[in-house]
PDB file of N, CA and C in Angstrom:
ATOM      1  N   MET A   1     104.984  89.740  53.581  1.00  0.00           N
ATOM      2  CA  MET A   1     105.029  90.763  52.571  1.00  0.00           C
ATOM      3  C   MET A   1     103.674  90.915  51.872  1.00  0.00           C
ATOM      4  N   ARG A   2     102.979  89.766  51.673  1.00  0.00           N
ATOM      5  CA  ARG A   2     101.668  89.833  51.011  1.00  0.00           C
ATOM      6  C   ARG A   2     100.680  90.636  51.835  1.00  0.00           C
ATOM      7  N   PHE A   3     100.739  90.479  53.164  1.00  0.00           N
ATOM      8  CA  PHE A   3      99.821  91.235  54.015  1.00  0.00           C
ATOM      9  C   PHE A   3     100.099  92.731  53.899  1.00  0.00           C
ATOM     10  N   VAL A   4     101.351  93.122  53.948  1.00  0.00           N
ATOM     11  CA  VAL A   4     101.704  94.544  53.896  1.00  0.00           C
ATOM     12  C   VAL A   4     101.289  95.154  52.556  1.00  0.00           C
ATOM     13  N   VAL A   5     101.575  94.459  51.460  1.00  0.00           N
ATOM     14  CA  VAL A   5     101.176  94.958  50.142  1.00  0.00           C
ATOM     15  C   VAL A   5      99.650  95.018  50.045  1.00  0.00           C
ATOM     16  N   GLY A   6      98.976  93.984  50.544  1.00  0.00           N
ATOM     17  CA  GLY A   6      97.506  93.985  50.539  1.00  0.00           C
ATOM     18  C   GLY A   6      96.939  95.117  51.371  1.00  0.00           C
ATOM     19  N   HIS A   7      97.556  95.399  52.516  1.00  0.00           N
ATOM     20  CA  HIS A   7      97.114  96.505  53.378  1.00  0.00           C
ATOM     21  C   HIS A   7      97.227  97.831  52.618  1.00  0.00           C
ATOM     22  N   GLU A   8      98.361  98.048  51.980  1.00  0.00           N
ATOM     23  CA  GLU A   8      98.563  99.302  51.245  1.00  0.00           C
ATOM     24  C   GLU A   8      97.640  99.396  50.032  1.00  0.00           C
ATOM     25  N   LEU A   9      97.395  98.279  49.360  1.00  0.00           N
ATOM     26  CA  LEU A   9      96.425  98.273  48.264  1.00  0.00           C
ATOM     27  C   LEU A   9      95.024  98.582  48.786  1.00  0.00           C
ATOM     28  N   GLY A  10      94.754  98.156  50.012  1.00  0.00           N
ATOM     29  CA  GLY A  10      93.465  98.464  50.635  1.00  0.00           C
ATOM     30  C   GLY A  10      93.257  99.961  50.785  1.00  0.00           C
ATOM     31  N   HIS A  11      94.311 100.690  51.126  1.00  0.00           N
ATOM     32  CA  HIS A  11      94.201 102.158  51.195  1.00  0.00           C
ATOM     33  C   HIS A  11      93.805 102.726  49.837  1.00  0.00           C
ATOM     34  N   HIS A  12      94.421 102.200  48.799  1.00  0.00           N
ATOM     35  CA  HIS A  12      94.111 102.679  47.454  1.00  0.00           C
ATOM     36  C   HIS A  12      92.676 102.303  47.050  1.00  0.00           C
ATOM     37  N   ALA A  13      92.313 101.039  47.259  1.00  0.00           N
ATOM     38  CA  ALA A  13      90.989 100.557  46.848  1.00  0.00           C
ATOM     39  C   ALA A  13      89.860 101.242  47.621  1.00  0.00           C
ATOM     40  N   ALA A  14      90.111 101.571  48.885  1.00  0.00           N
ATOM     41  CA  ALA A  14      89.075 102.210  49.706  1.00  0.00           C
ATOM     42  C   ALA A  14      88.988 103.714  49.472  1.00  0.00           C
ATOM     43  N   GLY A  15      89.853 104.239  48.637  1.00  0.00           N
ATOM     44  CA  GLY A  15      89.795 105.671  48.318  1.00  0.00           C
ATOM     45  C   GLY A  15      90.462 106.565  49.344  1.00  0.00           C
ATOM     46  N   HIS A  16      91.304 105.990  50.195  1.00  0.00           N
ATOM     47  CA  HIS A  16      91.976 106.799  51.219  1.00  0.00           C
ATOM     48  C   HIS A  16      93.014 107.732  50.622  1.00  0.00           C
ATOM     49  N   LEU A  17      93.432 107.482  49.387  1.00  0.00           N
ATOM     50  CA  LEU A  17      94.457 108.299  48.753  1.00  0.00           C
ATOM     51  C   LEU A  17      93.877 109.289  47.749  1.00  0.00           C
ATOM     52  N   ASP A  18      92.567 109.324  47.619  1.00  0.00           N
ATOM     53  CA  ASP A  18      91.905 110.212  46.662  1.00  0.00           C
ATOM     54  C   ASP A  18      92.016 111.662  47.136  1.00  0.00           C
ATOM     55  N   PRO A  19      92.703 112.528  46.384  1.00  0.00           N
ATOM     56  CA  PRO A  19      92.901 113.902  46.845  1.00  0.00           C
ATOM     57  C   PRO A  19      91.598 114.689  46.992  1.00  0.00           C
ATOM     58  N   VAL A  20      90.624 114.448  46.122  1.00  0.00           N
ATOM     59  CA  VAL A  20      89.355 115.185  46.211  1.00  0.00           C
ATOM     60  C   VAL A  20      88.622 114.816  47.496  1.00  0.00           C
ATOM     61  N   LYS A  21      88.549 113.517  47.785  1.00  0.00           N
ATOM     62  CA  LYS A  21      87.894 113.084  49.018  1.00  0.00           C
ATOM     63  C   LYS A  21      88.633 113.605  50.243  1.00  0.00           C
ATOM     64  N   ASN A  22      89.958 113.623  50.179  1.00  0.00           N
ATOM     65  CA  ASN A  22      90.724 114.104  51.321  1.00  0.00           C
ATOM     66  C   ASN A  22      90.509 115.595  51.569  1.00  0.00           C
ATOM     67  N   VAL A  23      90.331 116.378  50.502  1.00  0.00           N
ATOM     68  CA  VAL A  23      90.037 117.801  50.668  1.00  0.00           C
ATOM     69  C   VAL A  23      88.658 117.970  51.301  1.00  0.00           C
ATOM     70  N   LEU A  24      87.702 117.155  50.891  1.00  0.00           N
ATOM     71  CA  LEU A  24      86.358 117.249  51.463  1.00  0.00           C
ATOM     72  C   LEU A  24      86.328 116.829  52.932  1.00  0.00           C
ATOM     73  N   LYS A  25      87.217 115.918  53.308  1.00  0.00           N
ATOM     74  CA  LYS A  25      87.265 115.442  54.691  1.00  0.00           C
ATOM     75  C   LYS A  25      88.150 116.313  55.577  1.00  0.00           C
ATOM     76  N   ALA A  26      88.884 117.222  54.989  1.00  0.00           N
ATOM     77  CA  ALA A  26      89.846 118.040  55.740  1.00  0.00           C
ATOM     78  C   ALA A  26      89.239 118.791  56.922  1.00  0.00           C
ATOM     79  N   PRO A  27      88.039 119.354  56.817  1.00  0.00           N
ATOM     80  CA  PRO A  27      87.483 120.053  57.989  1.00  0.00           C
ATOM     81  C   PRO A  27      87.313 119.151  59.215  1.00  0.00           C
ATOM     82  N   GLY A  28      87.200 117.852  59.007  1.00  0.00           N
ATOM     83  CA  GLY A  28      87.082 116.908  60.118  1.00  0.00           C
ATOM     84  C   GLY A  28      88.318 116.878  60.997  1.00  0.00           C
ATOM     85  N   GLN A  29      89.445 117.344  60.471  1.00  0.00           N
ATOM     86  CA  GLN A  29      90.680 117.364  61.252  1.00  0.00           C
ATOM     87  C   GLN A  29      90.603 118.357  62.398  1.00  0.00           C
ATOM     88  N   PHE A  30      89.677 119.297  62.308  1.00  0.00           N
ATOM     89  CA  PHE A  30      89.568 120.315  63.347  1.00  0.00           C
ATOM     90  C   PHE A  30      88.564 119.955  64.437  1.00  0.00           C
ATOM     91  N   VAL A  31      87.878 118.834  64.278  1.00  0.00           N
ATOM     92  CA  VAL A  31      86.961 118.349  65.301  1.00  0.00           C
ATOM     93  C   VAL A  31      87.755 117.432  66.228  1.00  0.00           C
ATOM     94  N   PRO A  32      87.828 117.801  67.509  1.00  0.00           N
ATOM     95  CA  PRO A  32      88.660 117.000  68.422  1.00  0.00           C
ATOM     96  C   PRO A  32      88.276 115.516  68.403  1.00  0.00           C
ATOM     97  N   PHE A  33      89.273 114.687  68.303  1.00  0.00           N
ATOM     98  CA  PHE A  33      89.172 113.226  68.357  1.00  0.00           C
ATOM     99  C   PHE A  33      88.530 112.596  67.124  1.00  0.00           C
ATOM    100  N   LEU A  34      87.901 113.368  66.261  1.00  0.00           N
ATOM    101  CA  LEU A  34      87.209 112.793  65.117  1.00  0.00           C
ATOM    102  C   LEU A  34      88.177 112.236  64.076  1.00  0.00           C
ATOM    103  N   TYR A  35      89.161 113.022  63.671  1.00  0.00           N
ATOM    104  CA  TYR A  35      90.070 112.561  62.625  1.00  0.00           C
ATOM    105  C   TYR A  35      90.920 111.373  63.073  1.00  0.00           C
ATOM    106  N   PRO A  36      91.475 111.375  64.296  1.00  0.00           N
ATOM    107  CA  PRO A  36      92.205 110.169  64.718  1.00  0.00           C
ATOM    108  C   PRO A  36      91.322 108.916  64.743  1.00  0.00           C
ATOM    109  N   ALA A  37      90.063 109.066  65.142  1.00  0.00           N
ATOM    110  CA  ALA A  37      89.157 107.917  65.158  1.00  0.00           C
ATOM    111  C   ALA A  37      88.905 107.423  63.733  1.00  0.00           C
ATOM    112  N   TYR A  38      88.724 108.354  62.818  1.00  0.00           N
ATOM    113  CA  TYR A  38      88.526 107.991  61.410  1.00  0.00           C
ATOM    114  C   TYR A  38      89.772 107.297  60.859  1.00  0.00           C
ATOM    115  N   SER A  39      90.934 107.814  61.197  1.00  0.00           N
ATOM    116  CA  SER A  39      92.186 107.228  60.732  1.00  0.00           C
ATOM    117  C   SER A  39      92.362 105.810  61.270  1.00  0.00           C
ATOM    118  N   ARG A  40      92.030 105.588  62.541  1.00  0.00           N
ATOM    119  CA  ARG A  40      92.138 104.246  63.112  1.00  0.00           C
ATOM    120  C   ARG A  40      91.194 103.281  62.395  1.00  0.00           C
ATOM    121  N   THR A  41      90.014 103.746  62.067  1.00  0.00           N
ATOM    122  CA  THR A  41      89.050 102.908  61.362  1.00  0.00           C
ATOM    123  C   THR A  41      89.565 102.535  59.974  1.00  0.00           C
ATOM    124  N   ARG A  42      90.217 103.483  59.315  1.00  0.00           N
ATOM    125  CA  ARG A  42      90.798 103.178  58.002  1.00  0.00           C
ATOM    126  C   ARG A  42      91.848 102.080  58.121  1.00  0.00           C
ATOM    127  N   GLU A  43      92.633 102.103  59.178  1.00  0.00           N
ATOM    128  CA  GLU A  43      93.662 101.085  59.359  1.00  0.00           C
ATOM    129  C   GLU A  43      93.037  99.705  59.563  1.00  0.00           C
ATOM    130  N   TYR A  44      91.955  99.635  60.349  1.00  0.00           N
ATOM    131  CA  TYR A  44      91.270  98.348  60.525  1.00  0.00           C
ATOM    132  C   TYR A  44      90.728  97.832  59.184  1.00  0.00           C
ATOM    133  N   THR A  45      90.184  98.728  58.383  1.00  0.00           N
ATOM    134  CA  THR A  45      89.658  98.344  57.076  1.00  0.00           C
ATOM    135  C   THR A  45      90.762  97.763  56.204  1.00  0.00           C
ATOM    136  N   CYS A  46      91.897  98.436  56.172  1.00  0.00           N
ATOM    137  CA  CYS A  46      93.003  97.983  55.325  1.00  0.00           C
ATOM    138  C   CYS A  46      93.663  96.723  55.873  1.00  0.00           C
ATOM    139  N   ASP A  47      93.629  96.551  57.193  1.00  0.00           N
ATOM    140  CA  ASP A  47      94.109  95.285  57.764  1.00  0.00           C
ATOM    141  C   ASP A  47      93.230  94.135  57.289  1.00  0.00           C
ATOM    142  N   ALA A  48      91.930  94.373  57.224  1.00  0.00           N
ATOM    143  CA  ALA A  48      91.017  93.328  56.751  1.00  0.00           C
ATOM    144  C   ALA A  48      91.289  92.993  55.287  1.00  0.00           C
ATOM    145  N   VAL A  49      91.547  93.999  54.475  1.00  0.00           N
ATOM    146  CA  VAL A  49      91.870  93.762  53.063  1.00  0.00           C
ATOM    147  C   VAL A  49      93.183  92.990  52.952  1.00  0.00           C
ATOM    148  N   GLY A  50      94.180  93.404  53.721  1.00  0.00           N
ATOM    149  CA  GLY A  50      95.467  92.720  53.700  1.00  0.00           C
ATOM    150  C   GLY A  50      95.354  91.278  54.144  1.00  0.00           C
ATOM    151  N   ALA A  51      94.560  91.024  55.183  1.00  0.00           N
ATOM    152  CA  ALA A  51      94.370  89.657  55.676  1.00  0.00           C
ATOM    153  C   ALA A  51      93.651  88.803  54.637  1.00  0.00           C
ATOM    154  N   TYR A  52      92.664  89.388  53.976  1.00  0.00           N
ATOM    155  CA  TYR A  52      91.935  88.649  52.940  1.00  0.00           C
ATOM    156  C   TYR A  52      92.856  88.289  51.770  1.00  0.00           C
ATOM    157  N   LEU A  53      93.648  89.251  51.332  1.00  0.00           N
ATOM    158  CA  LEU A  53      94.536  89.007  50.198  1.00  0.00           C
ATOM    159  C   LEU A  53      95.695  88.090  50.556  1.00  0.00           C
ATOM    160  N   CYS A  54      96.138  88.169  51.787  1.00  0.00           N
ATOM    161  CA  CYS A  54      97.242  87.325  52.242  1.00  0.00           C
ATOM    162  C   CYS A  54      96.798  85.868  52.327  1.00  0.00           C
ATOM    163  N   ASN A  55      95.605  85.641  52.871  1.00  0.00           N
ATOM    164  CA  ASN A  55      95.020  84.304  52.998  1.00  0.00           C
ATOM    165  C   ASN A  55      95.921  83.337  53.764  1.00  0.00           C
ATOM    166  N   ASP A  56      96.705  83.872  54.703  1.00  0.00           N
ATOM    167  CA  ASP A  56      97.579  83.051  55.538  1.00  0.00           C
ATOM    168  C   ASP A  56      97.521  83.629  56.949  1.00  0.00           C
ATOM    169  N   PRO A  57      96.779  82.978  57.855  1.00  0.00           N
ATOM    170  CA  PRO A  57      96.580  83.540  59.193  1.00  0.00           C
ATOM    171  C   PRO A  57      97.877  83.852  59.925  1.00  0.00           C
ATOM    172  N   ALA A  58      98.821  82.938  59.890  1.00  0.00           N
ATOM    173  CA  ALA A  58     100.078  83.150  60.613  1.00  0.00           C
ATOM    174  C   ALA A  58     100.860  84.313  60.027  1.00  0.00           C
ATOM    175  N   ALA A  59     100.883  84.427  58.703  1.00  0.00           N
ATOM    176  CA  ALA A  59     101.627  85.507  58.061  1.00  0.00           C
ATOM    177  C   ALA A  59     100.983  86.868  58.327  1.00  0.00           C
ATOM    178  N   ALA A  60      99.666  86.921  58.339  1.00  0.00           N
ATOM    179  CA  ALA A  60      98.978  88.191  58.589  1.00  0.00           C
ATOM    180  C   ALA A  60      99.254  88.685  60.005  1.00  0.00           C
ATOM    181  N   ARG A  61      99.137  87.798  60.975  1.00  0.00           N
ATOM    182  CA  ARG A  61      99.424  88.184  62.364  1.00  0.00           C
ATOM    183  C   ARG A  61     100.904  88.503  62.542  1.00  0.00           C
ATOM    184  N   SER A  62     101.739  87.725  61.910  1.00  0.00           N
ATOM    185  CA  SER A  62     103.184  87.923  62.027  1.00  0.00           C
ATOM    186  C   SER A  62     103.612  89.275  61.468  1.00  0.00           C
ATOM    187  N   ALA A  63     102.973  89.715  60.395  1.00  0.00           N
ATOM    188  CA  ALA A  63     103.324  91.008  59.806  1.00  0.00           C
ATOM    189  C   ALA A  63     103.084  92.141  60.809  1.00  0.00           C
ATOM    190  N   LEU A  64     101.961  92.098  61.505  1.00  0.00           N
ATOM    191  CA  LEU A  64     101.678  93.140  62.508  1.00  0.00           C
ATOM    192  C   LEU A  64     102.567  92.986  63.733  1.00  0.00           C
ATOM    193  N   GLN A  65     102.817  91.763  64.130  1.00  0.00           N
ATOM    194  CA  GLN A  65     103.685  91.540  65.291  1.00  0.00           C
ATOM    195  C   GLN A  65     105.116  91.976  65.003  1.00  0.00           C
ATOM    196  N   THR A  66     105.549  91.830  63.775  1.00  0.00           N
ATOM    197  CA  THR A  66     106.894  92.260  63.406  1.00  0.00           C
ATOM    198  C   THR A  66     107.033  93.763  63.561  1.00  0.00           C
ATOM    199  N   LEU A  67     105.977  94.501  63.283  1.00  0.00           N
ATOM    200  CA  LEU A  67     106.009  95.944  63.518  1.00  0.00           C
ATOM    201  C   LEU A  67     106.224  96.250  64.995  1.00  0.00           C
ATOM    202  N   ALA A  68     105.665  95.419  65.855  1.00  0.00           N
ATOM    203  CA  ALA A  68     105.776  95.650  67.299  1.00  0.00           C
ATOM    204  C   ALA A  68     107.148  95.291  67.842  1.00  0.00           C
ATOM    205  N   CYS A  69     107.706  94.176  67.386  1.00  0.00           N
ATOM    206  CA  CYS A  69     108.965  93.728  67.989  1.00  0.00           C
ATOM    207  C   CYS A  69     110.186  94.108  67.172  1.00  0.00           C
ATOM    208  N   GLY A  70     110.023  94.478  65.929  1.00  0.00           N
ATOM    209  CA  GLY A  70     111.135  95.037  65.183  1.00  0.00           C
ATOM    210  C   GLY A  70     111.841  94.152  64.183  1.00  0.00           C
ATOM    211  N   CYS A  71     111.725  92.835  64.307  1.00  0.00           N
ATOM    212  CA  CYS A  71     112.386  91.981  63.318  1.00  0.00           C
ATOM    213  C   CYS A  71     111.645  90.654  63.189  1.00  0.00           C
ATOM    214  N   ARG A  72     111.800  90.045  62.048  1.00  0.00           N
ATOM    215  CA  ARG A  72     111.098  88.805  61.753  1.00  0.00           C
ATOM    216  C   ARG A  72     111.547  87.669  62.665  1.00  0.00           C
ATOM    217  N   ARG A  73     112.822  87.657  63.021  1.00  0.00           N
ATOM    218  CA  ARG A  73     113.352  86.581  63.871  1.00  0.00           C
ATOM    219  C   ARG A  73     112.661  86.587  65.235  1.00  0.00           C
ATOM    220  N   MET A  74     112.492  87.758  65.820  1.00  0.00           N
ATOM    221  CA  MET A  74     111.826  87.847  67.123  1.00  0.00           C
ATOM    222  C   MET A  74     110.333  87.582  66.988  1.00  0.00           C
ATOM    223  N   SER A  75     109.753  88.017  65.881  1.00  0.00           N
ATOM    224  CA  SER A  75     108.321  87.818  65.669  1.00  0.00           C
ATOM    225  C   SER A  75     107.976  86.334  65.570  1.00  0.00           C
ATOM    226  N   ALA A  76     108.876  85.553  65.022  1.00  0.00           N
ATOM    227  CA  ALA A  76     108.622  84.115  64.861  1.00  0.00           C
ATOM    228  C   ALA A  76     108.462  83.410  66.199  1.00  0.00           C
ATOM    229  N   SER A  77     109.125  83.920  67.232  1.00  0.00           N
ATOM    230  CA  SER A  77     109.023  83.279  68.545  1.00  0.00           C
ATOM    231  C   SER A  77     107.994  83.948  69.450  1.00  0.00           C
ATOM    232  N   LEU A  78     107.286  84.928  68.935  1.00  0.00           N
ATOM    233  CA  LEU A  78     106.293  85.658  69.727  1.00  0.00           C
ATOM    234  C   LEU A  78     104.989  84.867  69.805  1.00  0.00           C
ATOM    235  N   ASN A  79     104.419  84.752  70.988  1.00  0.00           N
ATOM    236  CA  ASN A  79     103.152  84.068  71.201  1.00  0.00           C
ATOM    237  C   ASN A  79     102.016  85.037  70.856  1.00  0.00           C
ATOM    238  N   THR A  80     101.267  84.724  69.797  1.00  0.00           N
ATOM    239  CA  THR A  80     100.211  85.628  69.318  1.00  0.00           C
ATOM    240  C   THR A  80      99.149  85.873  70.372  1.00  0.00           C
ATOM    241  N   GLU A  81      98.726  84.825  71.072  1.00  0.00           N
ATOM    242  CA  GLU A  81      97.679  84.985  72.081  1.00  0.00           C
ATOM    243  C   GLU A  81      98.156  85.862  73.230  1.00  0.00           C
ATOM    244  N   ALA A  82      99.388  85.652  73.672  1.00  0.00           N
ATOM    245  CA  ALA A  82      99.937  86.472  74.761  1.00  0.00           C
ATOM    246  C   ALA A  82     100.114  87.918  74.310  1.00  0.00           C
ATOM    247  N   PHE A  83     100.514  88.096  73.065  1.00  0.00           N
ATOM    248  CA  PHE A  83     100.680  89.449  72.530  1.00  0.00           C
ATOM    249  C   PHE A  83      99.344  90.188  72.512  1.00  0.00           C
ATOM    250  N   ALA A  84      98.306  89.534  71.996  1.00  0.00           N
ATOM    251  CA  ALA A  84      96.981  90.162  71.935  1.00  0.00           C
ATOM    252  C   ALA A  84      96.398  90.375  73.325  1.00  0.00           C
ATOM    253  N   ALA A  85      96.729  89.498  74.270  1.00  0.00           N
ATOM    254  CA  ALA A  85      96.209  89.624  75.635  1.00  0.00           C
ATOM    255  C   ALA A  85      96.788  90.831  76.364  1.00  0.00           C
ATOM    256  N   GLN A  86      97.877  91.384  75.880  1.00  0.00           N
ATOM    257  CA  GLN A  86      98.455  92.570  76.513  1.00  0.00           C
ATOM    258  C   GLN A  86      97.487  93.748  76.504  1.00  0.00           C
ATOM    259  N   GLU A  87      96.575  93.744  75.558  1.00  0.00           N
ATOM    260  CA  GLU A  87      95.598  94.838  75.478  1.00  0.00           C
ATOM    261  C   GLU A  87      94.755  94.911  76.743  1.00  0.00           C
ATOM    262  N   GLU A  88      94.498  93.769  77.363  1.00  0.00           N
ATOM    263  CA  GLU A  88      93.698  93.737  78.583  1.00  0.00           C
ATOM    264  C   GLU A  88      94.427  94.368  79.767  1.00  0.00           C
ATOM    265  N   MET A  89      95.742  94.458  79.680  1.00  0.00           N
ATOM    266  CA  MET A  89      96.517  95.022  80.782  1.00  0.00           C
ATOM    267  C   MET A  89      96.405  96.541  80.869  1.00  0.00           C
ATOM    268  N   VAL A  90      96.023  97.177  79.773  1.00  0.00           N
ATOM    269  CA  VAL A  90      95.918  98.638  79.756  1.00  0.00           C
ATOM    270  C   VAL A  90      94.475  99.009  79.441  1.00  0.00           C
ATOM    271  N   ARG A  91      93.607  98.709  80.350  1.00  0.00           N
ATOM    272  CA  ARG A  91      92.191  99.006  80.175  1.00  0.00           C
ATOM    273  C   ARG A  91      91.815 100.255  80.961  1.00  0.00           C
ATOM    274  N   GLY A  92      90.570 100.598  80.857  1.00  0.00           N
ATOM    275  CA  GLY A  92      90.067 101.714  81.631  1.00  0.00           C
ATOM    276  C   GLY A  92      90.442 103.055  81.037  1.00  0.00           C
ATOM    277  N   PHE A  93      90.498 104.043  81.893  1.00  0.00           N
ATOM    278  CA  PHE A  93      90.708 105.422  81.457  1.00  0.00           C
ATOM    279  C   PHE A  93      92.032 105.608  80.725  1.00  0.00           C
ATOM    280  N   PHE A  94      93.117 105.066  81.250  1.00  0.00           N
ATOM    281  CA  PHE A  94      94.420 105.295  80.636  1.00  0.00           C
ATOM    282  C   PHE A  94      94.567 104.559  79.308  1.00  0.00           C
ATOM    283  N   GLY A  95      93.950 103.420  79.173  1.00  0.00           N
ATOM    284  CA  GLY A  95      93.936 102.735  77.885  1.00  0.00           C
ATOM    285  C   GLY A  95      93.169 103.537  76.851  1.00  0.00           C
ATOM    286  N   TRP A  96      92.049 104.080  77.269  1.00  0.00           N
ATOM    287  CA  TRP A  96      91.242 104.928  76.390  1.00  0.00           C
ATOM    288  C   TRP A  96      92.008 106.194  76.026  1.00  0.00           C
ATOM    289  N   LEU A  97      92.641 106.820  77.000  1.00  0.00           N
ATOM    290  CA  LEU A  97      93.371 108.064  76.775  1.00  0.00           C
ATOM    291  C   LEU A  97      94.547 107.851  75.822  1.00  0.00           C
ATOM    292  N   SER A  98      95.228 106.728  75.945  1.00  0.00           N
ATOM    293  CA  SER A  98      96.366 106.488  75.056  1.00  0.00           C
ATOM    294  C   SER A  98      95.918 106.213  73.627  1.00  0.00           C
ATOM    295  N   GLU A  99      94.684 105.820  73.443  1.00  0.00           N
ATOM    296  CA  GLU A  99      94.185 105.473  72.113  1.00  0.00           C
ATOM    297  C   GLU A  99      93.597 106.670  71.366  1.00  0.00           C
ATOM    298  N   ILE A 100      92.913 107.573  72.046  1.00  0.00           N
ATOM    299  CA  ILE A 100      92.124 108.580  71.334  1.00  0.00           C
ATOM    300  C   ILE A 100      92.948 109.595  70.554  1.00  0.00           C
ATOM    301  N   PHE A 101      94.209 109.752  70.879  1.00  0.00           N
ATOM    302  CA  PHE A 101      95.038 110.713  70.172  1.00  0.00           C
ATOM    303  C   PHE A 101      95.863 110.070  69.059  1.00  0.00           C
ATOM    304  N   ARG A 102      95.780 108.775  68.919  1.00  0.00           N
ATOM    305  CA  ARG A 102      96.607 108.047  67.952  1.00  0.00           C
ATOM    306  C   ARG A 102      95.933 107.961  66.584  1.00  0.00           C
ATOM    307  N   SER A 103      96.751 108.000  65.536  1.00  0.00           N
ATOM    308  CA  SER A 103      96.211 107.833  64.189  1.00  0.00           C
ATOM    309  C   SER A 103      96.078 106.356  63.821  1.00  0.00           C
ATOM    310  N   HIS A 104      96.822 105.487  64.513  1.00  0.00           N
ATOM    311  CA  HIS A 104      96.770 104.053  64.261  1.00  0.00           C
ATOM    312  C   HIS A 104      96.383 103.348  65.563  1.00  0.00           C
ATOM    313  N   PRO A 105      95.588 102.293  65.471  1.00  0.00           N
ATOM    314  CA  PRO A 105      95.243 101.534  66.677  1.00  0.00           C
ATOM    315  C   PRO A 105      96.477 100.833  67.240  1.00  0.00           C
ATOM    316  N   HIS A 106      96.405 100.467  68.507  1.00  0.00           N
ATOM    317  CA  HIS A 106      97.484  99.674  69.090  1.00  0.00           C
ATOM    318  C   HIS A 106      97.639  98.395  68.276  1.00  0.00           C
ATOM    319  N   LEU A 107      98.860  97.954  68.121  1.00  0.00           N
ATOM    320  CA  LEU A 107      99.106  96.735  67.340  1.00  0.00           C
ATOM    321  C   LEU A 107      98.436  95.519  67.968  1.00  0.00           C
ATOM    322  N   THR A 108      98.321  95.525  69.292  1.00  0.00           N
ATOM    323  CA  THR A 108      97.629  94.402  69.944  1.00  0.00           C
ATOM    324  C   THR A 108      96.174  94.347  69.504  1.00  0.00           C
ATOM    325  N   ARG A 109      95.542  95.492  69.373  1.00  0.00           N
ATOM    326  CA  ARG A 109      94.144  95.526  68.909  1.00  0.00           C
ATOM    327  C   ARG A 109      94.040  95.112  67.450  1.00  0.00           C
ATOM    328  N   ARG A 110      95.005  95.507  66.662  1.00  0.00           N
ATOM    329  CA  ARG A 110      94.976  95.151  65.246  1.00  0.00           C
ATOM    330  C   ARG A 110      95.143  93.648  65.059  1.00  0.00           C
ATOM    331  N   VAL A 111      96.019  93.031  65.843  1.00  0.00           N
ATOM    332  CA  VAL A 111      96.184  91.570  65.755  1.00  0.00           C
ATOM    333  C   VAL A 111      94.895  90.885  66.185  1.00  0.00           C
ATOM    334  N   ARG A 112      94.290  91.384  67.253  1.00  0.00           N
ATOM    335  CA  ARG A 112      93.017  90.813  67.693  1.00  0.00           C
ATOM    336  C   ARG A 112      91.932  90.949  66.637  1.00  0.00           C
ATOM    337  N   ALA A 113      91.912  92.082  65.955  1.00  0.00           N
ATOM    338  CA  ALA A 113      90.853  92.336  64.966  1.00  0.00           C
ATOM    339  C   ALA A 113      90.996  91.465  63.726  1.00  0.00           C
ATOM    340  N   ILE A 114      92.222  91.158  63.311  1.00  0.00           N
ATOM    341  CA  ILE A 114      92.367  90.350  62.091  1.00  0.00           C
ATOM    342  C   ILE A 114      92.314  88.856  62.372  1.00  0.00           C
ATOM    343  N   THR A 115      92.504  88.438  63.613  1.00  0.00           N
ATOM    344  CA  THR A 115      92.514  87.008  63.924  1.00  0.00           C
ATOM    345  C   THR A 115      91.227  86.315  63.478  1.00  0.00           C
ATOM    346  N   PRO A 116      90.018  86.858  63.761  1.00  0.00           N
ATOM    347  CA  PRO A 116      88.813  86.173  63.272  1.00  0.00           C
ATOM    348  C   PRO A 116      88.674  86.226  61.746  1.00  0.00           C
ATOM    349  N   LEU A 117      89.339  87.190  61.102  1.00  0.00           N
ATOM    350  CA  LEU A 117      89.218  87.314  59.660  1.00  0.00           C
ATOM    351  C   LEU A 117      90.041  86.284  58.905  1.00  0.00           C
ATOM    352  N   VAL A 118      91.090  85.782  59.546  1.00  0.00           N
ATOM    353  CA  VAL A 118      91.988  84.851  58.851  1.00  0.00           C
ATOM    354  C   VAL A 118      92.017  83.472  59.497  1.00  0.00           C
ATOM    355  N   GLY A 119      91.317  83.308  60.600  1.00  0.00           N
ATOM    356  CA  GLY A 119      91.323  82.024  61.293  1.00  0.00           C
ATOM    357  C   GLY A 119      90.402  81.015  60.626  1.00  0.00           C
ATOM    358  N   PRO A 120      90.271  79.833  61.239  1.00  0.00           N
ATOM    359  CA  PRO A 120      89.387  78.799  60.690  1.00  0.00           C
ATOM    360  C   PRO A 120      87.947  79.291  60.646  1.00  0.00           C
ATOM    361  N   GLY A 121      87.289  79.054  59.545  1.00  0.00           N
ATOM    362  CA  GLY A 121      85.888  79.432  59.393  1.00  0.00           C
ATOM    363  C   GLY A 121      85.672  80.902  59.091  1.00  0.00           C
ATOM    364  N   ALA A 122      86.723  81.604  58.721  1.00  0.00           N
ATOM    365  CA  ALA A 122      86.602  83.047  58.449  1.00  0.00           C
ATOM    366  C   ALA A 122      85.831  83.281  57.168  1.00  0.00           C
TER     367      ALA A 122
END
């Protein structure tokens, strides 16, 4: 729960909810692939804020994995390394194509991105 609240606070702290800034950025929505890429970057930023505020590596990864599998009980038995390694299975053109139209990065990429932020020596 701390990770999710921290992630959402990250949106607020980074100014993603500022109506004036959003109006100024609105023309970017008409540039192909630009707005989804910007949106994915915002999610990575807020994941980093959530991971920092959570300060619990297992809980931060578990929060994202729970989104993927649907419930906390299943997430508890999910192997984080195997989950993140799934990203390697969809590489190349089709992996790229499935990503460029999305507003949020694949959950496997998000787990990979926060792992160094919350692991030992972060």
